[in-house]
């Protein structure tokens, strides 16, 4: 996405939707009673939301695209730690202890 200002990051994961009809659902989705969905979460300034929604509606016209807006009281990363160096383990394959 090339918004200005850009979205600094977002998270996606797989989900399942219930409702909104099943006219475009696969046979397995109809049997299960739910359809595959992708969930996207982005933390961004409230003022950026209208432009983001307009771009998504224009560039990714997904049927039944649903969104909600909720306040975030805090958003940060915990202190980053240096990577842990792990010493290689000698192979014991084929050896009897």
Protein backbone atom coordinates (compact mmCIF):
# COMPACT_ATOMS: atom_id res chain seq x y z
CA UNK A 1 0.00 0.00 0.00
CA UNK A 2 1.33 3.37 -0.90
CA UNK A 3 -0.70 5.71 1.26
CA UNK A 4 0.65 9.08 2.21
CA UNK A 5 1.46 9.03 5.06
CA UNK A 6 2.19 5.30 4.79
CA UNK A 7 0.78 2.72 7.18
CA UNK A 8 3.72 1.76 9.36
CA UNK A 9 2.62 -1.85 9.64
CA UNK A 10 -0.34 -4.15 9.92
CA UNK A 11 -1.17 -7.71 10.89
CA UNK A 12 -3.22 -10.28 8.98
CA UNK A 13 -4.53 -13.67 9.92
CA UNK A 14 -7.01 -16.25 8.60
CA UNK A 15 -10.56 -16.22 9.87
CA UNK A 16 -13.98 -17.62 9.06
CA UNK A 17 -17.10 -15.62 8.34
CA UNK A 18 -20.68 -16.46 9.19
CA UNK A 19 -23.60 -14.79 7.44
CA UNK A 20 -23.92 -12.45 4.44
CA UNK A 21 -25.04 -15.37 2.27
CA UNK A 22 -23.14 -18.16 0.63
CA UNK A 23 -23.75 -17.49 -3.07
CA UNK A 24 -19.99 -17.47 -3.82
CA UNK A 25 -18.96 -20.02 -1.18
CA UNK A 26 -17.22 -23.23 -2.15
CA UNK A 27 -18.94 -26.57 -1.59
CA UNK A 28 -16.83 -27.26 1.52
CA UNK A 29 -17.62 -23.79 2.92
CA UNK A 30 -21.35 -24.41 2.39
CA UNK A 31 -21.11 -27.73 4.21
CA UNK A 32 -19.19 -26.15 7.12
CA UNK A 33 -21.56 -23.16 7.21
CA UNK A 34 -18.78 -20.57 7.13
CA UNK A 35 -16.50 -18.99 4.54
CA UNK A 36 -12.79 -18.26 4.60
CA UNK A 37 -11.90 -14.66 5.42
CA UNK A 38 -8.71 -12.69 5.93
CA UNK A 39 -8.55 -10.35 8.92
CA UNK A 40 -6.37 -7.26 8.76
CA UNK A 41 -5.58 -5.11 11.79
CA UNK A 42 -3.88 -1.74 11.48
CA UNK A 43 -3.21 0.81 14.19
CA UNK A 44 -3.21 4.27 12.64
CA UNK A 45 -4.31 7.83 13.35
CA UNK A 46 -8.08 8.34 13.18
CA UNK A 47 -7.56 11.01 10.53
CA UNK A 48 -6.03 8.41 8.16
CA UNK A 49 -9.05 6.09 8.23
CA UNK A 50 -11.27 7.74 5.57
CA UNK A 51 -8.45 7.79 3.01
CA UNK A 52 -7.46 4.18 3.77
CA UNK A 53 -11.06 3.00 3.37
CA UNK A 54 -11.42 4.90 0.09
CA UNK A 55 -8.22 3.34 -1.31
CA UNK A 56 -9.23 -0.18 -0.22
CA UNK A 57 -12.73 0.24 -1.70
CA UNK A 58 -11.19 1.39 -4.98
CA UNK A 59 -8.21 -0.98 -5.27
CA UNK A 60 -9.59 -4.10 -3.57
CA UNK A 61 -13.34 -4.32 -4.11
CA UNK A 62 -13.95 -7.39 -1.94
CA UNK A 63 -17.57 -8.55 -1.55
CA UNK A 64 -18.83 -8.27 2.01
CA UNK A 65 -15.73 -6.37 3.14
CA UNK A 66 -16.47 -5.40 6.72
CA UNK A 67 -14.59 -3.06 9.01
CA UNK A 68 -14.86 -1.55 12.44
CA UNK A 69 -13.04 1.23 14.21
CA UNK A 70 -12.13 1.17 17.87
CA UNK A 71 -9.84 3.28 20.02
CA UNK A 72 -6.42 1.98 21.04
CA UNK A 73 -5.26 3.23 24.41
CA UNK A 74 -1.65 2.20 23.94
CA UNK A 75 0.46 0.77 21.15
CA UNK A 76 4.16 -0.04 21.50
CA UNK A 77 6.74 -2.79 21.33
CA UNK A 78 8.42 -4.24 24.36
CA UNK A 79 12.11 -3.58 24.68
CA UNK A 80 13.95 -5.38 21.92
CA UNK A 81 16.60 -7.83 23.02
CA UNK A 82 19.76 -8.83 21.24
CA UNK A 83 19.50 -12.16 19.40
CA UNK A 84 20.59 -15.14 21.45
CA UNK A 85 23.64 -16.93 20.03
CA UNK A 86 23.20 -20.68 20.11
CA UNK A 87 26.28 -22.88 19.87
CA UNK A 88 26.06 -25.64 17.26
CA UNK A 89 25.37 -29.10 18.63
CA UNK A 90 27.65 -31.93 17.54
CA UNK A 91 25.78 -34.58 15.60
CA UNK A 92 25.33 -37.90 17.39
CA UNK A 93 23.62 -39.61 14.44
CA UNK A 94 24.65 -43.25 14.17
CA UNK A 95 26.41 -43.29 17.55
CA UNK A 96 25.27 -45.44 20.44
CA UNK A 97 25.41 -43.60 23.79
